[in-house]
Amino acid sequence: MDSFFGIGAPELILILLLAGIVMGPERIGKVARWLGKTTAQLQSISRQFMRQLNAELTAVDQGEELKGAMNDIKALQNQVKQLRDEIKSSAMKPLQEGQAAINESRKALDNTARMIQKPLSVTDERQTPVLDDHKIAPPALNANQSLPNLVDVTDDPE
């Protein structure tokens, strides 16, 4: 026994002699048994901790848990990518319908502008030009033209 808790053999003998003098011979046996049990329990806890730590390190070294976590992360990345693609595809249809409606509106406005560009002949007292027939007719729809589709907007606060 080279060292016991950093205490050498001569120091341990001195401590035991002092304990024997202070506690008396009848209590030294009880204290020694308690000290032995406590030391055994501490050693058991230490061995159990070391076994558990080694098992965890071995599991990490083998990478089974790490590989499982990486596979879960990859699966989540794929789900996010699919969701992003789905959102893009669902957003493109209304966007294309909106662009088509804008193009149709521009054509209708161009047709209206051409109709308004008739020569103005009469002005009223406020100096505003008035068309000859006093009415602006909406442009007629061609057979291949249709009204733009309504776009359903959900969760609109207004």
N, C-alpha and C. Protein backbone atom coordinates (compact mmCIF):
# COMPACT_ATOMS: atom_id res chain seq x y z
N MET A 1 0.86 -1.17 0.00
CA MET A 1 0.00 0.00 0.00
C MET A 1 0.91 1.22 0.00
N ASP A 2 1.03 1.76 -1.21
CA ASP A 2 1.95 2.86 -1.39
C ASP A 2 1.33 4.18 -0.96
N SER A 3 0.06 4.36 -1.34
CA SER A 3 -0.58 5.63 -1.03
C SER A 3 -2.07 5.40 -0.88
N PHE A 4 -2.66 5.91 0.16
CA PHE A 4 -4.08 5.77 0.42
C PHE A 4 -4.66 7.17 0.52
N PHE A 5 -5.37 7.62 -0.53
CA PHE A 5 -5.90 8.99 -0.63
C PHE A 5 -4.78 10.02 -0.50
N GLY A 6 -3.62 9.71 -1.06
CA GLY A 6 -2.50 10.64 -1.01
C GLY A 6 -1.79 10.64 0.33
N ILE A 7 -2.09 9.64 1.18
CA ILE A 7 -1.46 9.56 2.50
C ILE A 7 -0.52 8.37 2.49
N GLY A 8 0.67 8.54 2.91
CA GLY A 8 1.65 7.46 2.98
C GLY A 8 1.40 6.56 4.18
N ALA A 9 2.18 5.45 4.28
CA ALA A 9 2.00 4.47 5.37
C ALA A 9 2.29 5.07 6.75
N PRO A 10 3.39 5.82 6.92
CA PRO A 10 3.63 6.36 8.27
C PRO A 10 2.54 7.34 8.71
N GLU A 11 2.05 8.12 7.78
CA GLU A 11 0.99 9.08 8.14
C GLU A 11 -0.29 8.36 8.50
N LEU A 12 -0.61 7.25 7.80
CA LEU A 12 -1.82 6.48 8.08
C LEU A 12 -1.74 5.85 9.48
N ILE A 13 -0.56 5.32 9.84
CA ILE A 13 -0.39 4.74 11.17
C ILE A 13 -0.58 5.80 12.25
N LEU A 14 -0.07 6.99 12.01
CA LEU A 14 -0.23 8.08 12.97
C LEU A 14 -1.70 8.46 13.13
N ILE A 15 -2.43 8.51 12.01
CA ILE A 15 -3.86 8.87 12.06
C ILE A 15 -4.64 7.79 12.82
N LEU A 16 -4.34 6.51 12.58
CA LEU A 16 -5.04 5.42 13.28
C LEU A 16 -4.75 5.46 14.78
N LEU A 17 -3.51 5.75 15.16
CA LEU A 17 -3.18 5.86 16.59
C LEU A 17 -3.93 7.00 17.25
N LEU A 18 -3.99 8.16 16.57
CA LEU A 18 -4.73 9.31 17.12
C LEU A 18 -6.22 8.99 17.22
N ALA A 19 -6.77 8.31 16.20
CA ALA A 19 -8.19 7.95 16.22
C ALA A 19 -8.45 6.98 17.37
N GLY A 20 -7.54 6.04 17.59
CA GLY A 20 -7.71 5.10 18.70
C GLY A 20 -7.71 5.80 20.04
N ILE A 21 -6.86 6.80 20.18
CA ILE A 21 -6.79 7.54 21.44
C ILE A 21 -8.05 8.38 21.63
N VAL A 22 -8.51 9.07 20.56
CA VAL A 22 -9.67 9.97 20.67
C VAL A 22 -10.96 9.17 20.83
N MET A 23 -11.17 8.13 20.02
CA MET A 23 -12.44 7.42 20.03
C MET A 23 -12.49 6.29 21.05
N GLY A 24 -11.42 5.76 21.38
CA GLY A 24 -11.42 4.63 22.30
C GLY A 24 -11.48 3.33 21.52
N PRO A 25 -11.05 2.26 22.18
CA PRO A 25 -10.96 0.97 21.49
C PRO A 25 -12.32 0.38 21.09
N GLU A 26 -13.38 0.67 21.83
CA GLU A 26 -14.68 0.09 21.49
C GLU A 26 -15.32 0.69 20.23
N ARG A 27 -15.12 1.96 19.95
CA ARG A 27 -15.71 2.59 18.76
C ARG A 27 -14.83 2.46 17.54
N ILE A 28 -13.58 2.13 17.68
CA ILE A 28 -12.69 2.03 16.52
C ILE A 28 -13.15 0.93 15.59
N GLY A 29 -13.67 -0.18 16.09
CA GLY A 29 -14.15 -1.28 15.26
C GLY A 29 -15.35 -0.86 14.42
N LYS A 30 -16.29 -0.12 15.06
CA LYS A 30 -17.47 0.37 14.32
C LYS A 30 -17.07 1.34 13.22
N VAL A 31 -16.17 2.25 13.54
CA VAL A 31 -15.73 3.24 12.55
C VAL A 31 -14.98 2.55 11.41
N ALA A 32 -14.18 1.55 11.73
CA ALA A 32 -13.44 0.83 10.69
C ALA A 32 -14.40 0.09 9.76
N ARG A 33 -15.45 -0.58 10.36
CA ARG A 33 -16.45 -1.25 9.52
C ARG A 33 -17.18 -0.24 8.63
N TRP A 34 -17.60 0.91 9.23
CA TRP A 34 -18.30 1.93 8.44
C TRP A 34 -17.41 2.45 7.32
N LEU A 35 -16.15 2.70 7.64
CA LEU A 35 -15.20 3.18 6.64
C LEU A 35 -15.00 2.15 5.54
N GLY A 36 -14.94 0.88 5.89
CA GLY A 36 -14.80 -0.19 4.89
C GLY A 36 -16.01 -0.28 3.97
N LYS A 37 -17.22 -0.22 4.57
CA LYS A 37 -18.45 -0.27 3.75
C LYS A 37 -18.54 0.94 2.82
N THR A 38 -18.24 2.10 3.35
CA THR A 38 -18.31 3.32 2.54
C THR A 38 -17.29 3.27 1.40
N THR A 39 -16.10 2.79 1.68
CA THR A 39 -15.08 2.67 0.63
C THR A 39 -15.53 1.68 -0.44
N ALA A 40 -16.13 0.55 0.00
CA ALA A 40 -16.62 -0.44 -0.97
C ALA A 40 -17.74 0.14 -1.83
N GLN A 41 -18.64 0.90 -1.22
CA GLN A 41 -19.73 1.53 -1.99
C GLN A 41 -19.17 2.53 -3.00
N LEU A 42 -18.21 3.33 -2.58
CA LEU A 42 -17.61 4.30 -3.49
C LEU A 42 -16.89 3.61 -4.65
N GLN A 43 -16.20 2.49 -4.35
CA GLN A 43 -15.53 1.75 -5.42
C GLN A 43 -16.55 1.14 -6.38
N SER A 44 -17.66 0.64 -5.85
CA SER A 44 -18.72 0.06 -6.69
C SER A 44 -19.32 1.13 -7.61
N ILE A 45 -19.60 2.29 -7.04
CA ILE A 45 -20.15 3.40 -7.84
C ILE A 45 -19.15 3.81 -8.91
N SER A 46 -17.88 3.87 -8.54
CA SER A 46 -16.84 4.25 -9.50
C SER A 46 -16.74 3.24 -10.64
N ARG A 47 -16.76 1.93 -10.30
CA ARG A 47 -16.70 0.89 -11.34
C ARG A 47 -17.93 0.97 -12.26
N GLN A 48 -19.11 1.18 -11.66
CA GLN A 48 -20.34 1.27 -12.45
C GLN A 48 -20.28 2.46 -13.40
N PHE A 49 -19.80 3.58 -12.89
CA PHE A 49 -19.66 4.78 -13.72
C PHE A 49 -18.70 4.52 -14.87
N MET A 50 -17.57 3.88 -14.58
CA MET A 50 -16.58 3.60 -15.62
C MET A 50 -17.15 2.64 -16.67
N ARG A 51 -17.91 1.62 -16.24
CA ARG A 51 -18.52 0.70 -17.21
C ARG A 51 -19.49 1.45 -18.12
N GLN A 52 -20.33 2.30 -17.54
CA GLN A 52 -21.31 3.05 -18.32
C GLN A 52 -20.61 4.02 -19.28
N LEU A 53 -19.57 4.68 -18.80
CA LEU A 53 -18.82 5.61 -19.64
C LEU A 53 -18.16 4.87 -20.80
N ASN A 54 -17.57 3.72 -20.53
CA ASN A 54 -16.95 2.93 -21.59
C ASN A 54 -17.98 2.44 -22.60
N ALA A 55 -19.16 2.05 -22.11
CA ALA A 55 -20.22 1.61 -23.03
C ALA A 55 -20.66 2.75 -23.93
N GLU A 56 -20.81 3.93 -23.38
CA GLU A 56 -21.20 5.09 -24.18
C GLU A 56 -20.13 5.45 -25.21
N LEU A 57 -18.88 5.42 -24.78
CA LEU A 57 -17.78 5.72 -25.70
C LEU A 57 -17.70 4.68 -26.81
N THR A 58 -17.93 3.43 -26.47
CA THR A 58 -17.92 2.37 -27.48
C THR A 58 -19.06 2.58 -28.47
N ALA A 59 -20.23 2.96 -27.96
CA ALA A 59 -21.38 3.20 -28.84
C ALA A 59 -21.09 4.37 -29.78
N VAL A 60 -20.48 5.40 -29.26
CA VAL A 60 -20.15 6.55 -30.10
C VAL A 60 -19.06 6.18 -31.10
N ASP A 61 -18.08 5.39 -30.65
CA ASP A 61 -17.02 4.96 -31.55
C ASP A 61 -17.58 4.11 -32.68
N GLN A 62 -18.53 3.23 -32.36
CA GLN A 62 -19.13 2.42 -33.40
C GLN A 62 -19.98 3.27 -34.32
N GLY A 63 -20.49 4.36 -33.81
CA GLY A 63 -21.22 5.31 -34.64
C GLY A 63 -22.64 4.90 -34.95
N GLU A 64 -23.18 3.91 -34.26
CA GLU A 64 -24.55 3.48 -34.55
C GLU A 64 -25.55 4.59 -34.24
N GLU A 65 -25.42 5.17 -33.08
CA GLU A 65 -26.33 6.25 -32.72
C GLU A 65 -26.10 7.47 -33.60
N LEU A 66 -24.84 7.74 -33.89
CA LEU A 66 -24.51 8.89 -34.73
C LEU A 66 -25.03 8.68 -36.15
N LYS A 67 -24.88 7.43 -36.65
CA LYS A 67 -25.40 7.15 -37.99
C LYS A 67 -26.92 7.27 -38.02
N GLY A 68 -27.57 6.80 -36.98
CA GLY A 68 -29.02 6.92 -36.89
C GLY A 68 -29.47 8.38 -36.88
N ALA A 69 -28.76 9.20 -36.12
CA ALA A 69 -29.09 10.62 -36.07
C ALA A 69 -28.86 11.29 -37.42
N MET A 70 -27.77 10.91 -38.09
CA MET A 70 -27.49 11.48 -39.42
C MET A 70 -28.56 11.06 -40.43
N ASN A 71 -29.01 9.81 -40.36
CA ASN A 71 -30.09 9.36 -41.24
C ASN A 71 -31.37 10.12 -40.97
N ASP A 72 -31.67 10.38 -39.70
CA ASP A 72 -32.86 11.17 -39.36
C ASP A 72 -32.75 12.58 -39.91
N ILE A 73 -31.57 13.18 -39.82
CA ILE A 73 -31.36 14.53 -40.33
C ILE A 73 -31.54 14.55 -41.85
N LYS A 74 -30.99 13.54 -42.54
CA LYS A 74 -31.15 13.48 -43.99
C LYS A 74 -32.61 13.31 -44.38
N ALA A 75 -33.35 12.50 -43.63
CA ALA A 75 -34.78 12.32 -43.91
C ALA A 75 -35.53 13.64 -43.74
N LEU A 76 -35.18 14.38 -42.68
CA LEU A 76 -35.82 15.69 -42.47
C LEU A 76 -35.47 16.66 -43.59
N GLN A 77 -34.21 16.62 -44.06
CA GLN A 77 -33.82 17.50 -45.17
C GLN A 77 -34.62 17.17 -46.42
N ASN A 78 -34.82 15.88 -46.68
CA ASN A 78 -35.61 15.49 -47.85
C ASN A 78 -37.06 15.94 -47.72
N GLN A 79 -37.62 15.84 -46.52
CA GLN A 79 -38.99 16.30 -46.31
C GLN A 79 -39.10 17.81 -46.52
N VAL A 80 -38.12 18.55 -46.04
CA VAL A 80 -38.13 20.01 -46.22
C VAL A 80 -38.01 20.35 -47.71
N LYS A 81 -37.17 19.62 -48.43
CA LYS A 81 -37.00 19.86 -49.87
C LYS A 81 -38.31 19.57 -50.61
N GLN A 82 -38.97 18.46 -50.27
CA GLN A 82 -40.24 18.13 -50.91
C GLN A 82 -41.28 19.19 -50.60
N LEU A 83 -41.32 19.65 -49.36
CA LEU A 83 -42.28 20.68 -48.98
C LEU A 83 -42.01 21.98 -49.73
N ARG A 84 -40.72 22.34 -49.87
CA ARG A 84 -40.36 23.55 -50.61
C ARG A 84 -40.79 23.43 -52.07
N ASP A 85 -40.56 22.27 -52.69
CA ASP A 85 -40.95 22.07 -54.08
C ASP A 85 -42.47 22.12 -54.23
N GLU A 86 -43.17 21.55 -53.27
CA GLU A 86 -44.63 21.56 -53.31
C GLU A 86 -45.17 22.99 -53.19
N ILE A 87 -44.56 23.77 -52.31
CA ILE A 87 -45.00 25.16 -52.14
C ILE A 87 -44.72 25.95 -53.42
N LYS A 88 -43.55 25.72 -54.02
CA LYS A 88 -43.22 26.41 -55.27
C LYS A 88 -44.22 26.07 -56.36
N SER A 89 -44.53 24.78 -56.50
CA SER A 89 -45.44 24.38 -57.58
C SER A 89 -46.85 24.91 -57.33
N SER A 90 -47.28 24.93 -56.06
CA SER A 90 -48.62 25.45 -55.78
C SER A 90 -48.68 26.97 -55.92
N ALA A 91 -47.56 27.65 -55.75
CA ALA A 91 -47.55 29.11 -55.89
C ALA A 91 -47.41 29.54 -57.35
N MET A 92 -46.85 28.67 -58.18
CA MET A 92 -46.64 29.05 -59.58
C MET A 92 -47.96 29.16 -60.35
N LYS A 93 -48.93 28.30 -60.07
CA LYS A 93 -50.19 28.32 -60.80
C LYS A 93 -50.92 29.66 -60.60
N PRO A 94 -51.14 30.12 -59.36
CA PRO A 94 -51.78 31.43 -59.20
C PRO A 94 -50.95 32.57 -59.80
N LEU A 95 -49.62 32.44 -59.73
CA LEU A 95 -48.77 33.47 -60.31
C LEU A 95 -48.96 33.54 -61.82
N GLN A 96 -49.00 32.39 -62.47
CA GLN A 96 -49.21 32.37 -63.92
C GLN A 96 -50.60 32.88 -64.28
N GLU A 97 -51.60 32.50 -63.47
CA GLU A 97 -52.96 33.02 -63.73
C GLU A 97 -53.00 34.54 -63.56
N GLY A 98 -52.30 35.03 -62.55
CA GLY A 98 -52.25 36.49 -62.34
C GLY A 98 -51.56 37.20 -63.50
N GLN A 99 -50.46 36.63 -64.00
CA GLN A 99 -49.77 37.23 -65.13
C GLN A 99 -50.65 37.21 -66.38
N ALA A 100 -51.39 36.11 -66.56
CA ALA A 100 -52.30 36.04 -67.71
C ALA A 100 -53.40 37.09 -67.59
N ALA A 101 -53.91 37.28 -66.39
CA ALA A 101 -54.95 38.29 -66.18
C ALA A 101 -54.41 39.69 -66.43
N ILE A 102 -53.17 39.93 -65.99
CA ILE A 102 -52.56 41.25 -66.24
C ILE A 102 -52.39 41.48 -67.73
N ASN A 103 -51.92 40.46 -68.46
CA ASN A 103 -51.76 40.60 -69.91
C ASN A 103 -53.10 40.86 -70.60
N GLU A 104 -54.16 40.15 -70.18
CA GLU A 104 -55.48 40.38 -70.76
C GLU A 104 -55.98 41.78 -70.46
N SER A 105 -55.72 42.25 -69.21
CA SER A 105 -56.14 43.61 -68.84
C SER A 105 -55.40 44.65 -69.67
N ARG A 106 -54.12 44.42 -69.91
CA ARG A 106 -53.35 45.36 -70.74
C ARG A 106 -53.90 45.41 -72.16
N LYS A 107 -54.24 44.24 -72.69
CA LYS A 107 -54.82 44.21 -74.04
C LYS A 107 -56.14 44.96 -74.07
N ALA A 108 -56.97 44.75 -73.04
CA ALA A 108 -58.25 45.43 -72.98
C ALA A 108 -58.04 46.94 -72.87
N LEU A 109 -57.04 47.35 -72.04
CA LEU A 109 -56.76 48.79 -71.92
C LEU A 109 -56.25 49.36 -73.24
N ASP A 110 -55.43 48.61 -73.94
CA ASP A 110 -54.95 49.07 -75.25
C ASP A 110 -56.11 49.23 -76.22
N ASN A 111 -57.04 48.27 -76.21
CA ASN A 111 -58.21 48.38 -77.07
C ASN A 111 -59.04 49.61 -76.71
N THR A 112 -59.22 49.85 -75.42
CA THR A 112 -59.98 51.01 -74.96
C THR A 112 -59.27 52.30 -75.36
N ALA A 113 -57.95 52.31 -75.23
CA ALA A 113 -57.19 53.51 -75.59
C ALA A 113 -57.32 53.80 -77.08
N ARG A 114 -57.33 52.76 -77.90
CA ARG A 114 -57.50 52.97 -79.34
C ARG A 114 -58.88 53.52 -79.65
N MET A 115 -59.88 53.04 -78.90
CA MET A 115 -61.25 53.53 -79.14
C MET A 115 -61.37 54.98 -78.71
N ILE A 116 -60.68 55.37 -77.65
CA ILE A 116 -60.78 56.74 -77.14
C ILE A 116 -60.03 57.71 -78.05
N GLN A 117 -59.09 57.26 -78.79
CA GLN A 117 -58.27 58.13 -79.63
C GLN A 117 -59.01 58.62 -80.88
N LYS A 118 -60.34 58.45 -80.92
CA LYS A 118 -61.12 59.03 -82.02
C LYS A 118 -61.02 60.54 -81.94
N PRO A 119 -61.20 61.22 -83.00
CA PRO A 119 -61.13 62.69 -82.93
C PRO A 119 -62.21 63.27 -82.03
N LEU A 120 -61.82 64.18 -81.19
CA LEU A 120 -62.77 64.84 -80.29
C LEU A 120 -63.35 66.06 -80.99
N SER A 121 -64.66 66.18 -80.88
CA SER A 121 -65.28 67.28 -81.61
C SER A 121 -65.91 68.32 -80.72
N VAL A 122 -66.43 67.93 -79.60
CA VAL A 122 -67.17 68.87 -78.77
C VAL A 122 -66.50 68.96 -77.41
N THR A 123 -66.47 70.15 -76.85
CA THR A 123 -66.00 70.33 -75.48
C THR A 123 -67.12 70.96 -74.68
N ASP A 124 -67.24 70.59 -73.46
CA ASP A 124 -68.29 71.21 -72.64
C ASP A 124 -67.76 72.47 -71.98
N GLU A 125 -68.54 73.04 -71.10
CA GLU A 125 -68.17 74.32 -70.51
C GLU A 125 -66.98 74.22 -69.58
N ARG A 126 -66.64 73.07 -69.09
CA ARG A 126 -65.49 72.93 -68.21
C ARG A 126 -64.22 72.66 -69.01
N GLN A 127 -64.27 72.69 -70.29
CA GLN A 127 -63.15 72.47 -71.19
C GLN A 127 -62.65 71.02 -71.14
N THR A 128 -63.59 70.08 -70.86
CA THR A 128 -63.23 68.68 -70.90
C THR A 128 -63.68 68.11 -72.23
N PRO A 129 -62.82 67.39 -72.89
CA PRO A 129 -63.21 66.84 -74.17
C PRO A 129 -64.29 65.77 -73.99
N VAL A 130 -65.24 65.75 -74.91
CA VAL A 130 -66.33 64.79 -74.89
C VAL A 130 -66.33 64.10 -76.24
N LEU A 131 -66.57 62.81 -76.26
CA LEU A 131 -66.62 62.06 -77.50
C LEU A 131 -67.87 62.44 -78.29
N ASP A 132 -67.85 62.14 -79.56
CA ASP A 132 -68.99 62.47 -80.41
C ASP A 132 -70.27 61.80 -79.93
N ASP A 133 -70.17 60.54 -79.55
CA ASP A 133 -71.40 59.85 -79.17
C ASP A 133 -71.67 59.96 -77.66
N HIS A 134 -70.86 60.69 -76.90
CA HIS A 134 -71.04 60.97 -75.47
C HIS A 134 -70.99 59.74 -74.57
N LYS A 135 -70.62 58.61 -75.06
CA LYS A 135 -70.53 57.41 -74.23
C LYS A 135 -69.25 56.66 -74.60
N ILE A 136 -68.65 56.08 -73.61
CA ILE A 136 -67.49 55.23 -73.85
C ILE A 136 -67.96 53.79 -73.69
N ALA A 137 -67.91 53.04 -74.73
CA ALA A 137 -68.37 51.66 -74.70
C ALA A 137 -67.20 50.75 -74.29
N PRO A 138 -67.49 49.77 -73.47
CA PRO A 138 -66.41 48.84 -73.12
C PRO A 138 -66.03 48.01 -74.34
N PRO A 139 -64.81 47.60 -74.41
CA PRO A 139 -64.40 46.82 -75.58
C PRO A 139 -65.11 45.47 -75.59
N ALA A 140 -65.47 45.02 -76.74
CA ALA A 140 -66.15 43.74 -76.88
C ALA A 140 -65.13 42.61 -76.77
N LEU A 141 -65.56 41.52 -76.16
CA LEU A 141 -64.68 40.38 -76.01
C LEU A 141 -64.70 39.56 -77.29
N ASN A 142 -63.55 39.16 -77.72
CA ASN A 142 -63.47 38.26 -78.87
C ASN A 142 -63.94 36.87 -78.43
N ALA A 143 -64.15 35.99 -79.40
CA ALA A 143 -64.63 34.65 -79.09
C ALA A 143 -63.57 33.85 -78.31
N ASN A 144 -62.29 34.11 -78.58
CA ASN A 144 -61.26 33.35 -77.88
C ASN A 144 -60.84 33.99 -76.56
N GLN A 145 -61.34 35.18 -76.26
CA GLN A 145 -61.03 35.84 -75.00
C GLN A 145 -62.05 35.46 -73.93
N SER A 146 -61.60 35.37 -72.70
CA SER A 146 -62.52 35.12 -71.59
C SER A 146 -62.11 36.01 -70.43
N LEU A 147 -63.00 36.11 -69.48
CA LEU A 147 -62.68 36.91 -68.30
C LEU A 147 -61.62 36.20 -67.48
N PRO A 148 -60.78 36.93 -66.78
CA PRO A 148 -59.74 36.27 -65.98
C PRO A 148 -60.38 35.48 -64.83
N ASN A 149 -59.71 34.40 -64.43
CA ASN A 149 -60.19 33.57 -63.33
C ASN A 149 -59.99 34.29 -62.02
N LEU A 150 -60.91 34.06 -61.09
CA LEU A 150 -60.77 34.63 -59.76
C LEU A 150 -59.71 33.85 -59.00
N VAL A 151 -58.92 34.55 -58.22
CA VAL A 151 -57.88 33.91 -57.42
C VAL A 151 -58.35 33.93 -55.98
N ASP A 152 -58.42 32.75 -55.35
CA ASP A 152 -58.85 32.63 -53.98
C ASP A 152 -57.68 32.91 -53.06
N VAL A 153 -57.77 33.98 -52.27
CA VAL A 153 -56.70 34.35 -51.34
C VAL A 153 -57.17 34.01 -49.94
N THR A 154 -56.47 33.07 -49.30
CA THR A 154 -56.86 32.69 -47.94
C THR A 154 -56.08 33.50 -46.92
N ASP A 155 -56.66 33.60 -45.74
CA ASP A 155 -56.03 34.32 -44.61
C ASP A 155 -55.73 35.76 -44.94
N ASP A 156 -56.61 36.41 -45.68
CA ASP A 156 -56.43 37.83 -45.99
C ASP A 156 -56.99 38.62 -44.82
N PRO A 157 -56.21 39.47 -44.17
CA PRO A 157 -56.69 40.19 -42.99
C PRO A 157 -57.78 41.20 -43.30
N GLU A 158 -57.94 41.61 -44.52
CA GLU A 158 -58.95 42.63 -44.82
C GLU A 158 -60.13 42.03 -45.50
